[in-house]
Amino acid sequence: MIRRLKYNEIDFEKYTKCLENSEQRKYSATKDFLDITSNKQWELLVYKDYEAVMPVPYVYKFGIKIVHNPMLCQQLGVFSKQDSVGLNEDFLSFLEKKYLIRIYPFNDFNQFYSGLKKKKNYIIYPDIYEKVYAKYSPKRKRKLRSEPEILKNSEIKEINFSDAENFIKSNFLGANKEQDVSRFIDIFKKFYNSGYVIFSAYFYKDKIVNIIAVYSDKKVNALLGTFNDKNYVKISGASILIDNIIKQNIEKKVFDFEGSELPNVEEFFRGFRPELKPFYIIESSKKDLVKRFLSMKYLFSKQ
């Protein structure tokens, strides 16, 4: 039996235990991650006594609750000891019957009979760094071999949020509105203050030319953002920063590239020769959302 719980009804101890012991465990489904990215606007679908769980973030538009995954939250879905297609279908059916859905991503373990859209993600699993590096493309290896002059005048430093903030704002690509950039920055700040995000910076001649924002917990490092000064693109600082994080942690932690639908970004990620791990996603256009709302309103009026 699947039931829906509001935020204040969730037993977070049981939720966390289910998530951490699940086959599908994702950092983006943890309480802390969802609390920050959704501003605590999420509910939970629960099977029996937390044998399986499915977090459901939402927003309000014109007073209507709409399922929408938060910024920087790539994958959610069903979490259980062993992935079950039948159980996943039950959760999917419950979700579609009870909610208006704009965007909802499942995780790369969740399988379905239903024909859902897929998106790409790339992951490097723990291994000896030398083996990981050996798989890099020839082009990526060349990018990591700095010329002596560049090497002499460059260094990598971990910096604090205040040092990273202005550079990120000035070099933020992909956000459509100024308020979107502000929201991203606010999330980064909260993650940093909570001890989850590190900012790794590449300095050339004492000037920051690249920054990566990496979400880090005990099992994974996830690339939340790459920010580059376009005047120094030939230095390949972003590649060097990512390789440095991989080198330091890959024996014990997964490295999650967080995927991208942009061809040039996807090509950049693929240079590290990660594994392709696609995941299913539900997406509705605004037009379809309105139609769904009107049909749900009609059905409820008949009950």
C-alpha atoms as a PDB file:
ATOM      1  CA  MET A   1       0.000   0.000   0.000  1.00  0.00           C
ATOM      2  CA  ILE A   2       1.325   3.422  -0.994  1.00  0.00           C
ATOM      3  CA  ARG A   3       0.393   6.475   1.046  1.00  0.00           C
ATOM      4  CA  ARG A   4       1.221  10.151   0.769  1.00  0.00           C
ATOM      5  CA  LEU A   5       2.810  12.020   3.662  1.00  0.00           C
ATOM      6  CA  LYS A   6       3.165  15.763   4.061  1.00  0.00           C
ATOM      7  CA  TYR A   7       6.568  17.082   5.142  1.00  0.00           C
ATOM      8  CA  ASN A   8       5.638  17.326   8.824  1.00  0.00           C
ATOM      9  CA  GLU A   9       4.319  13.751   8.802  1.00  0.00           C
ATOM     10  CA  ILE A  10       7.545  12.145   7.542  1.00  0.00           C
ATOM     11  CA  ASP A  11       9.550   9.942   9.896  1.00  0.00           C
ATOM     12  CA  PHE A  12      12.948  11.191   8.728  1.00  0.00           C
ATOM     13  CA  GLU A  13      14.861   8.543  10.663  1.00  0.00           C
ATOM     14  CA  LYS A  14      13.013   5.790   8.781  1.00  0.00           C
ATOM     15  CA  TYR A  15      13.267   7.726   5.519  1.00  0.00           C
ATOM     16  CA  THR A  16      17.032   8.121   5.833  1.00  0.00           C
ATOM     17  CA  LYS A  17      17.480   4.466   6.790  1.00  0.00           C
ATOM     18  CA  CYS A  18      15.504   3.356   3.729  1.00  0.00           C
ATOM     19  CA  LEU A  19      17.444   5.696   1.443  1.00  0.00           C
ATOM     20  CA  GLU A  20      20.914   4.804   2.741  1.00  0.00           C
ATOM     21  CA  ASN A  21      20.206   1.057   2.544  1.00  0.00           C
ATOM     22  CA  SER A  22      18.587   1.243  -0.876  1.00  0.00           C
ATOM     23  CA  GLU A  23      20.007  -0.143  -4.104  1.00  0.00           C
ATOM     24  CA  GLN A  24      19.357   3.223  -5.758  1.00  0.00           C
ATOM     25  CA  ARG A  25      20.819   5.582  -3.122  1.00  0.00           C
ATOM     26  CA  LYS A  26      21.233   9.141  -4.464  1.00  0.00           C
ATOM     27  CA  TYR A  27      22.639  12.121  -2.579  1.00  0.00           C
ATOM     28  CA  SER A  28      19.984  14.324  -4.223  1.00  0.00           C
ATOM     29  CA  ALA A  29      17.235  12.483  -2.333  1.00  0.00           C
ATOM     30  CA  THR A  30      18.730  13.068   1.120  1.00  0.00           C
ATOM     31  CA  LYS A  31      16.771  15.231   3.529  1.00  0.00           C
ATOM     32  CA  ASP A  32      19.449  17.926   3.716  1.00  0.00           C
ATOM     33  CA  PHE A  33      19.765  18.197  -0.077  1.00  0.00           C
ATOM     34  CA  LEU A  34      16.014  18.398  -0.651  1.00  0.00           C
ATOM     35  CA  ASP A  35      15.437  20.771   2.253  1.00  0.00           C
ATOM     36  CA  ILE A  36      17.907  23.250   0.764  1.00  0.00           C
ATOM     37  CA  THR A  37      17.008  22.941  -2.917  1.00  0.00           C
ATOM     38  CA  SER A  38      13.225  22.863  -2.439  1.00  0.00           C
ATOM     39  CA  ASN A  39      13.063  25.092   0.643  1.00  0.00           C
ATOM     40  CA  LYS A  40      11.371  22.148   2.431  1.00  0.00           C
ATOM     41  CA  GLN A  41       8.604  21.997  -0.149  1.00  0.00           C
ATOM     42  CA  TRP A  42       8.489  18.241  -0.638  1.00  0.00           C
ATOM     43  CA  GLU A  43       6.243  15.357   0.300  1.00  0.00           C
ATOM     44  CA  LEU A  44       6.835  11.634   0.464  1.00  0.00           C
ATOM     45  CA  LEU A  45       5.184   8.580  -1.034  1.00  0.00           C
ATOM     46  CA  VAL A  46       5.721   5.579   1.226  1.00  0.00           C
ATOM     47  CA  TYR A  47       5.212   1.870   0.597  1.00  0.00           C
ATOM     48  CA  LYS A  48       4.206  -0.078   3.737  1.00  0.00           C
ATOM     49  CA  ASP A  49       6.465   0.832   6.690  1.00  0.00           C
ATOM     50  CA  TYR A  50       9.132   2.689   4.698  1.00  0.00           C
ATOM     51  CA  GLU A  51      10.028  -0.421   2.684  1.00  0.00           C
ATOM     52  CA  ALA A  52      10.188   1.892  -0.330  1.00  0.00           C
ATOM     53  CA  VAL A  53      10.027   5.683  -0.553  1.00  0.00           C
ATOM     54  CA  MET A  54       9.644   8.321  -3.226  1.00  0.00           C
ATOM     55  CA  PRO A  55      10.251  12.021  -2.450  1.00  0.00           C
ATOM     56  CA  VAL A  56       8.048  14.468  -4.337  1.00  0.00           C
ATOM     57  CA  PRO A  57       9.139  18.144  -4.482  1.00  0.00           C
ATOM     58  CA  TYR A  58       6.635  20.756  -5.571  1.00  0.00           C
ATOM     59  CA  VAL A  59       6.045  24.439  -6.214  1.00  0.00           C
ATOM     60  CA  TYR A  60       2.925  26.581  -6.144  1.00  0.00           C
ATOM     61  CA  LYS A  61       1.818  28.394  -9.288  1.00  0.00           C
ATOM     62  CA  PHE A  62      -1.274  30.565  -8.988  1.00  0.00           C
ATOM     63  CA  GLY A  63      -2.118  28.685  -5.805  1.00  0.00           C
ATOM     64  CA  ILE A  64      -1.892  25.275  -7.513  1.00  0.00           C
ATOM     65  CA  LYS A  65       0.526  22.599  -6.283  1.00  0.00           C
ATOM     66  CA  ILE A  66       2.703  21.345  -9.144  1.00  0.00           C
ATOM     67  CA  VAL A  67       5.403  18.661  -8.986  1.00  0.00           C
ATOM     68  CA  HIS A  68       8.672  20.178 -10.163  1.00  0.00           C
ATOM     69  CA  ASN A  69      12.200  19.058  -9.390  1.00  0.00           C
ATOM     70  CA  PRO A  70      14.283  21.800  -7.730  1.00  0.00           C
ATOM     71  CA  MET A  71      17.349  23.503  -9.160  1.00  0.00           C
ATOM     72  CA  LEU A  72      20.475  21.305  -9.021  1.00  0.00           C
ATOM     73  CA  CYS A  73      18.385  18.219  -8.182  1.00  0.00           C
ATOM     74  CA  GLN A  74      18.961  15.827 -11.055  1.00  0.00           C
ATOM     75  CA  GLN A  75      17.520  12.502  -9.876  1.00  0.00           C
ATOM     76  CA  LEU A  76      14.906  11.329  -7.377  1.00  0.00           C
ATOM     77  CA  GLY A  77      12.519   8.410  -7.932  1.00  0.00           C
ATOM     78  CA  VAL A  78      11.868   5.221  -5.971  1.00  0.00           C
ATOM     79  CA  PHE A  79      14.271   3.941  -3.322  1.00  0.00           C
ATOM     80  CA  SER A  80      14.123   0.385  -1.986  1.00  0.00           C
ATOM     81  CA  LYS A  81      16.410  -2.503  -1.061  1.00  0.00           C
ATOM     82  CA  GLN A  82      16.071  -3.937  -4.559  1.00  0.00           C
ATOM     83  CA  ASP A  83      14.673  -2.196  -7.614  1.00  0.00           C
ATOM     84  CA  SER A  84      11.312  -3.639  -8.644  1.00  0.00           C
ATOM     85  CA  VAL A  85       9.672  -2.755 -11.950  1.00  0.00           C
ATOM     86  CA  GLY A  86       6.249  -3.634 -10.593  1.00  0.00           C
ATOM     87  CA  LEU A  87       6.654  -1.461  -7.508  1.00  0.00           C
ATOM     88  CA  ASN A  88       8.072   1.383  -9.607  1.00  0.00           C
ATOM     89  CA  GLU A  89       4.989   1.201 -11.830  1.00  0.00           C
ATOM     90  CA  ASP A  90       2.756   1.383  -8.744  1.00  0.00           C
ATOM     91  CA  PHE A  91       4.553   4.519  -7.555  1.00  0.00           C
ATOM     92  CA  LEU A  92       4.373   6.019 -11.049  1.00  0.00           C
ATOM     93  CA  SER A  93       0.639   5.351 -11.245  1.00  0.00           C
ATOM     94  CA  PHE A  94       0.056   6.890  -7.809  1.00  0.00           C
ATOM     95  CA  LEU A  95       2.106   9.951  -8.725  1.00  0.00           C
ATOM     96  CA  GLU A  96       0.267  10.542 -11.989  1.00  0.00           C
ATOM     97  CA  LYS A  97      -3.176  10.117 -10.394  1.00  0.00           C
ATOM     98  CA  LYS A  98      -2.576  12.342  -7.379  1.00  0.00           C
ATOM     99  CA  TYR A  99      -0.426  15.176  -8.743  1.00  0.00           C
ATOM    100  CA  LEU A 100      -0.025  17.691 -11.503  1.00  0.00           C
ATOM    101  CA  ILE A 101       3.477  16.995 -12.845  1.00  0.00           C
ATOM    102  CA  ARG A 102       5.656  19.521 -14.659  1.00  0.00           C
ATOM    103  CA  ILE A 103       9.000  17.729 -14.262  1.00  0.00           C
ATOM    104  CA  TYR A 104       9.846  14.669 -12.197  1.00  0.00           C
ATOM    105  CA  PRO A 105      13.108  12.708 -12.639  1.00  0.00           C
ATOM    106  CA  PHE A 106      13.547   9.115 -11.536  1.00  0.00           C
ATOM    107  CA  ASN A 107      16.979   7.641 -10.804  1.00  0.00           C
ATOM    108  CA  ASP A 108      19.202   5.574 -13.071  1.00  0.00           C
ATOM    109  CA  PHE A 109      18.319   2.330 -11.245  1.00  0.00           C
ATOM    110  CA  ASN A 110      14.545   2.673 -11.644  1.00  0.00           C
ATOM    111  CA  GLN A 111      13.162   0.574 -14.486  1.00  0.00           C
ATOM    112  CA  PHE A 112       9.644   0.696 -15.971  1.00  0.00           C
ATOM    113  CA  TYR A 113       7.340  -1.080 -18.396  1.00  0.00           C
ATOM    114  CA  SER A 114       5.888   2.313 -19.307  1.00  0.00           C
ATOM    115  CA  GLY A 115       7.498   4.228 -22.152  1.00  0.00           C
ATOM    116  CA  LEU A 116       9.063   7.225 -20.449  1.00  0.00           C
ATOM    117  CA  LYS A 117      11.504   9.776 -21.805  1.00  0.00           C
ATOM    118  CA  LYS A 118      15.197   9.313 -20.921  1.00  0.00           C
ATOM    119  CA  LYS A 119      17.948  11.786 -20.118  1.00  0.00           C
ATOM    120  CA  LYS A 120      21.695  11.203 -19.980  1.00  0.00           C
ATOM    121  CA  ASN A 121      24.048  11.246 -17.043  1.00  0.00           C
ATOM    122  CA  TYR A 122      27.705  10.258 -16.711  1.00  0.00           C
ATOM    123  CA  ILE A 123      29.370   8.605 -13.725  1.00  0.00           C
ATOM    124  CA  ILE A 124      32.846   7.343 -12.829  1.00  0.00           C
ATOM    125  CA  TYR A 125      32.743   4.569 -10.228  1.00  0.00           C
ATOM    126  CA  PRO A 126      35.420   4.074  -7.554  1.00  0.00           C
ATOM    127  CA  ASP A 127      38.666   2.564  -8.804  1.00  0.00           C
ATOM    128  CA  ILE A 128      42.408   3.158  -8.668  1.00  0.00           C
ATOM    129  CA  TYR A 129      43.097   6.602 -10.137  1.00  0.00           C
ATOM    130  CA  GLU A 130      45.706   5.334 -12.592  1.00  0.00           C
ATOM    131  CA  LYS A 131      43.091   3.025 -14.149  1.00  0.00           C
ATOM    132  CA  VAL A 132      40.580   5.857 -14.337  1.00  0.00           C
ATOM    133  CA  TYR A 133      43.104   8.216 -15.918  1.00  0.00           C
ATOM    134  CA  ALA A 134      44.164   5.564 -18.450  1.00  0.00           C
ATOM    135  CA  LYS A 135      40.616   5.617 -19.848  1.00  0.00           C
ATOM    136  CA  TYR A 136      40.603   9.366 -20.509  1.00  0.00           C
ATOM    137  CA  SER A 137      40.459  10.305 -24.178  1.00  0.00           C
ATOM    138  CA  PRO A 138      43.734  11.342 -25.846  1.00  0.00           C
ATOM    139  CA  LYS A 139      42.330  14.862 -26.205  1.00  0.00           C
ATOM    140  CA  ARG A 140      41.515  15.075 -22.470  1.00  0.00           C
ATOM    141  CA  LYS A 141      45.015  13.875 -21.562  1.00  0.00           C
ATOM    142  CA  ARG A 142      46.520  16.566 -23.775  1.00  0.00           C
ATOM    143  CA  LYS A 143      44.371  19.191 -22.059  1.00  0.00           C
ATOM    144  CA  LEU A 144      45.767  18.080 -18.707  1.00  0.00           C
ATOM    145  CA  ARG A 145      49.388  18.527 -19.785  1.00  0.00           C
ATOM    146  CA  SER A 146      50.015  22.219 -19.150  1.00  0.00           C
ATOM    147  CA  GLU A 147      52.838  24.055 -20.866  1.00  0.00           C
ATOM    148  CA  PRO A 148      55.780  24.909 -18.552  1.00  0.00           C
ATOM    149  CA  GLU A 149      54.952  28.627 -18.527  1.00  0.00           C
ATOM    150  CA  ILE A 150      51.335  27.971 -17.558  1.00  0.00           C
ATOM    151  CA  LEU A 151      52.320  25.374 -14.973  1.00  0.00           C
ATOM    152  CA  LYS A 152      54.804  27.767 -13.393  1.00  0.00           C
ATOM    153  CA  ASN A 153      52.151  30.472 -12.976  1.00  0.00           C
ATOM    154  CA  SER A 154      49.195  28.313 -11.963  1.00  0.00           C
ATOM    155  CA  GLU A 155      47.846  26.719  -8.801  1.00  0.00           C
ATOM    156  CA  ILE A 156      44.716  25.032  -7.473  1.00  0.00           C
ATOM    157  CA  LYS A 157      43.108  26.266  -4.272  1.00  0.00           C
ATOM    158  CA  GLU A 158      39.962  25.479  -2.343  1.00  0.00           C
ATOM    159  CA  ILE A 159      38.239  28.811  -1.706  1.00  0.00           C
ATOM    160  CA  ASN A 160      35.338  30.003   0.454  1.00  0.00           C
ATOM    161  CA  PHE A 161      31.907  31.044  -0.765  1.00  0.00           C
ATOM    162  CA  SER A 162      32.497  34.796  -0.593  1.00  0.00           C
ATOM    163  CA  ASP A 163      35.587  34.462  -2.806  1.00  0.00           C
ATOM    164  CA  ALA A 164      33.666  32.308  -5.278  1.00  0.00           C
ATOM    165  CA  GLU A 165      30.438  34.320  -5.409  1.00  0.00           C
ATOM    166  CA  ASN A 166      31.437  37.246  -7.643  1.00  0.00           C
ATOM    167  CA  PHE A 167      33.280  35.034 -10.127  1.00  0.00           C
ATOM    168  CA  ILE A 168      30.292  32.688 -10.395  1.00  0.00           C
ATOM    169  CA  LYS A 169      27.869  35.569 -10.937  1.00  0.00           C
ATOM    170  CA  SER A 170      30.077  37.021 -13.671  1.00  0.00           C
ATOM    171  CA  ASN A 171      30.556  33.725 -15.476  1.00  0.00           C
ATOM    172  CA  PHE A 172      27.227  31.958 -14.992  1.00  0.00           C
ATOM    173  CA  LEU A 173      25.894  30.377 -18.186  1.00  0.00           C
ATOM    174  CA  GLY A 174      22.630  28.520 -18.639  1.00  0.00           C
ATOM    175  CA  ALA A 175      20.314  30.538 -16.373  1.00  0.00           C
ATOM    176  CA  ASN A 176      17.622  32.486 -18.192  1.00  0.00           C
ATOM    177  CA  LYS A 177      16.794  35.148 -15.632  1.00  0.00           C
ATOM    178  CA  GLU A 178      18.607  37.207 -13.040  1.00  0.00           C
ATOM    179  CA  GLN A 179      16.418  35.704 -10.309  1.00  0.00           C
ATOM    180  CA  ASP A 180      17.462  32.215 -11.457  1.00  0.00           C
ATOM    181  CA  VAL A 181      21.132  33.153 -10.948  1.00  0.00           C
ATOM    182  CA  SER A 182      20.296  34.547  -7.501  1.00  0.00           C
ATOM    183  CA  ARG A 183      18.515  31.304  -6.607  1.00  0.00           C
ATOM    184  CA  PHE A 184      21.496  29.214  -7.716  1.00  0.00           C
ATOM    185  CA  ILE A 185      23.838  31.396  -5.686  1.00  0.00           C
ATOM    186  CA  ASP A 186      21.579  31.113  -2.629  1.00  0.00           C
ATOM    187  CA  ILE A 187      21.569  27.309  -2.893  1.00  0.00           C
ATOM    188  CA  PHE A 188      25.361  27.217  -3.260  1.00  0.00           C
ATOM    189  CA  LYS A 189      25.683  29.412  -0.170  1.00  0.00           C
ATOM    190  CA  LYS A 190      23.430  27.172   1.925  1.00  0.00           C
ATOM    191  CA  PHE A 191      25.268  24.050   0.770  1.00  0.00           C
ATOM    192  CA  TYR A 192      28.611  25.668   1.575  1.00  0.00           C
ATOM    193  CA  ASN A 193      27.475  26.774   5.040  1.00  0.00           C
ATOM    194  CA  SER A 194      26.168  23.242   5.677  1.00  0.00           C
ATOM    195  CA  GLY A 195      29.532  21.732   4.748  1.00  0.00           C
ATOM    196  CA  TYR A 196      28.360  19.962   1.586  1.00  0.00           C
ATOM    197  CA  VAL A 197      29.859  22.040  -1.220  1.00  0.00           C
ATOM    198  CA  ILE A 198      33.486  22.821  -1.926  1.00  0.00           C
ATOM    199  CA  PHE A 199      34.655  25.442  -4.411  1.00  0.00           C
ATOM    200  CA  SER A 200      37.860  24.467  -6.170  1.00  0.00           C
ATOM    201  CA  ALA A 201      39.524  27.318  -8.082  1.00  0.00           C
ATOM    202  CA  TYR A 202      42.210  27.395 -10.752  1.00  0.00           C
ATOM    203  CA  PHE A 203      44.452  30.439 -10.457  1.00  0.00           C
ATOM    204  CA  TYR A 204      46.595  31.740 -13.294  1.00  0.00           C
ATOM    205  CA  LYS A 205      48.973  34.552 -12.402  1.00  0.00           C
ATOM    206  CA  ASP A 206      47.101  35.036  -9.116  1.00  0.00           C
ATOM    207  CA  LYS A 207      43.794  35.456 -10.944  1.00  0.00           C
ATOM    208  CA  ILE A 208      40.835  33.040 -10.715  1.00  0.00           C
ATOM    209  CA  VAL A 209      40.075  31.740 -14.208  1.00  0.00           C
ATOM    210  CA  ASN A 210      38.009  28.629 -13.387  1.00  0.00           C
ATOM    211  CA  ILE A 211      35.869  27.400 -10.504  1.00  0.00           C
ATOM    212  CA  ILE A 212      33.996  24.138 -10.001  1.00  0.00           C
ATOM    213  CA  ALA A 213      31.322  23.641  -7.345  1.00  0.00           C
ATOM    214  CA  VAL A 214      31.314  20.065  -6.039  1.00  0.00           C
ATOM    215  CA  TYR A 215      28.715  18.549  -3.727  1.00  0.00           C
ATOM    216  CA  SER A 216      30.500  16.096  -1.458  1.00  0.00           C
ATOM    217  CA  ASP A 217      29.279  13.505   1.029  1.00  0.00           C
ATOM    218  CA  LYS A 218      30.725  10.220   2.275  1.00  0.00           C
ATOM    219  CA  LYS A 219      29.875   8.314  -0.918  1.00  0.00           C
ATOM    220  CA  VAL A 220      29.870  10.740  -3.832  1.00  0.00           C
ATOM    221  CA  ASN A 221      31.327  13.875  -5.374  1.00  0.00           C
ATOM    222  CA  ALA A 222      28.862  15.543  -7.745  1.00  0.00           C
ATOM    223  CA  LEU A 223      29.692  18.330 -10.166  1.00  0.00           C
ATOM    224  CA  LEU A 224      27.039  20.999  -9.511  1.00  0.00           C
ATOM    225  CA  GLY A 225      28.625  23.718 -11.598  1.00  0.00           C
ATOM    226  CA  THR A 226      31.583  24.674 -13.791  1.00  0.00           C
ATOM    227  CA  PHE A 227      32.380  28.378 -14.208  1.00  0.00           C
ATOM    228  CA  ASN A 228      35.006  29.636 -16.631  1.00  0.00           C
ATOM    229  CA  ASP A 229      36.536  32.932 -17.662  1.00  0.00           C
ATOM    230  CA  LYS A 230      36.180  32.650 -21.445  1.00  0.00           C
ATOM    231  CA  ASN A 231      39.380  34.644 -21.955  1.00  0.00           C
ATOM    232  CA  TYR A 232      41.409  31.740 -20.540  1.00  0.00           C
ATOM    233  CA  VAL A 233      39.679  28.776 -22.146  1.00  0.00           C
ATOM    234  CA  LYS A 234      42.909  27.485 -23.724  1.00  0.00           C
ATOM    235  CA  ILE A 235      44.428  26.892 -20.291  1.00  0.00           C
ATOM    236  CA  SER A 236      41.893  24.067 -19.700  1.00  0.00           C
ATOM    237  CA  GLY A 237      41.537  24.894 -16.019  1.00  0.00           C
ATOM    238  CA  ALA A 238      38.143  23.183 -15.720  1.00  0.00           C
ATOM    239  CA  SER A 239      39.596  19.870 -16.915  1.00  0.00           C
ATOM    240  CA  ILE A 240      42.469  20.191 -14.466  1.00  0.00           C
ATOM    241  CA  LEU A 241      40.135  20.973 -11.547  1.00  0.00           C
ATOM    242  CA  ILE A 242      37.845  18.013 -12.276  1.00  0.00           C
ATOM    243  CA  ASP A 243      40.810  15.670 -12.713  1.00  0.00           C
ATOM    244  CA  ASN A 244      42.227  16.895  -9.407  1.00  0.00           C
ATOM    245  CA  ILE A 245      38.986  16.078  -7.538  1.00  0.00           C
ATOM    246  CA  ILE A 246      38.862  12.667  -9.209  1.00  0.00           C
ATOM    247  CA  LYS A 247      42.508  11.999  -8.323  1.00  0.00           C
ATOM    248  CA  GLN A 248      41.947  12.842  -4.667  1.00  0.00           C
ATOM    249  CA  ASN A 249      38.749  10.877  -4.136  1.00  0.00           C
ATOM    250  CA  ILE A 250      37.965   8.303  -6.828  1.00  0.00           C
ATOM    251  CA  GLU A 251      39.257   5.301  -4.877  1.00  0.00           C
ATOM    252  CA  LYS A 252      36.482   5.807  -2.310  1.00  0.00           C
ATOM    253  CA  LYS A 253      33.823   7.991  -3.953  1.00  0.00           C
ATOM    254  CA  VAL A 254      31.697   8.000  -7.071  1.00  0.00           C
ATOM    255  CA  PHE A 255      32.196  11.023  -9.319  1.00  0.00           C
ATOM    256  CA  ASP A 256      28.869  12.176 -10.768  1.00  0.00           C
ATOM    257  CA  PHE A 257      29.028  14.597 -13.710  1.00  0.00           C
ATOM    258  CA  GLU A 258      25.329  15.494 -13.311  1.00  0.00           C
ATOM    259  CA  GLY A 259      24.733  15.145 -17.066  1.00  0.00           C
ATOM    260  CA  SER A 260      23.833  17.736 -19.673  1.00  0.00           C
ATOM    261  CA  GLU A 261      21.664  18.026 -22.766  1.00  0.00           C
ATOM    262  CA  LEU A 262      24.080  20.563 -24.299  1.00  0.00           C
ATOM    263  CA  PRO A 263      26.249  18.850 -26.958  1.00  0.00           C
ATOM    264  CA  ASN A 264      29.450  20.753 -26.118  1.00  0.00           C
ATOM    265  CA  VAL A 265      29.102  20.047 -22.381  1.00  0.00           C
ATOM    266  CA  GLU A 266      28.297  16.399 -23.037  1.00  0.00           C
ATOM    267  CA  GLU A 267      31.392  16.121 -25.242  1.00  0.00           C
ATOM    268  CA  PHE A 268      33.482  17.679 -22.464  1.00  0.00           C
ATOM    269  CA  PHE A 269      32.219  15.130 -19.918  1.00  0.00           C
ATOM    270  CA  ARG A 270      32.709  12.206 -22.282  1.00  0.00           C
ATOM    271  CA  GLY A 271      36.394  13.091 -22.524  1.00  0.00           C
ATOM    272  CA  PHE A 272      36.819  11.640 -19.023  1.00  0.00           C
ATOM    273  CA  ARG A 273      35.357   8.357 -20.325  1.00  0.00           C
ATOM    274  CA  PRO A 274      32.659   7.995 -17.655  1.00  0.00           C
ATOM    275  CA  GLU A 275      29.866   5.419 -17.843  1.00  0.00           C
ATOM    276  CA  LEU A 276      26.633   6.517 -19.485  1.00  0.00           C
ATOM    277  CA  LYS A 277      23.822   6.113 -16.928  1.00  0.00           C
ATOM    278  CA  PRO A 278      20.508   7.312 -18.409  1.00  0.00           C
ATOM    279  CA  PHE A 279      17.483   7.912 -16.217  1.00  0.00           C
ATOM    280  CA  TYR A 280      13.763   8.228 -16.860  1.00  0.00           C
ATOM    281  CA  ILE A 281      11.901  11.482 -16.501  1.00  0.00           C
ATOM    282  CA  ILE A 282       8.323  12.775 -16.723  1.00  0.00           C
ATOM    283  CA  GLU A 283       7.942  16.152 -18.416  1.00  0.00           C
ATOM    284  CA  SER A 284       4.738  18.004 -19.289  1.00  0.00           C
ATOM    285  CA  SER A 285       4.393  21.164 -21.322  1.00  0.00           C
ATOM    286  CA  LYS A 286       2.535  24.096 -19.785  1.00  0.00           C
ATOM    287  CA  LYS A 287      -0.302  23.450 -22.235  1.00  0.00           C
ATOM    288  CA  ASP A 288      -0.572  19.795 -21.203  1.00  0.00           C
ATOM    289  CA  LEU A 289      -0.413  20.836 -17.563  1.00  0.00           C
ATOM    290  CA  VAL A 290      -3.431  23.114 -17.997  1.00  0.00           C
ATOM    291  CA  LYS A 291      -5.359  20.327 -19.749  1.00  0.00           C
ATOM    292  CA  ARG A 292      -4.491  17.912 -16.939  1.00  0.00           C
ATOM    293  CA  PHE A 293      -5.568  20.424 -14.303  1.00  0.00           C
ATOM    294  CA  LEU A 294      -8.931  20.979 -15.976  1.00  0.00           C
ATOM    295  CA  SER A 295      -9.545  17.244 -16.333  1.00  0.00           C
ATOM    296  CA  MET A 296      -8.645  16.601 -12.675  1.00  0.00           C
ATOM    297  CA  LYS A 297     -10.901  19.455 -11.602  1.00  0.00           C
ATOM    298  CA  TYR A 298     -13.745  17.981 -13.635  1.00  0.00           C
ATOM    299  CA  LEU A 299     -13.262  14.474 -12.199  1.00  0.00           C
ATOM    300  CA  PHE A 300     -13.211  15.752  -8.610  1.00  0.00           C
ATOM    301  CA  SER A 301     -16.375  17.770  -9.236  1.00  0.00           C
ATOM    302  CA  LYS A 302     -18.153  14.561 -10.255  1.00  0.00           C
ATOM    303  CA  GLN A 303     -17.224  12.708  -7.053  1.00  0.00           C
END
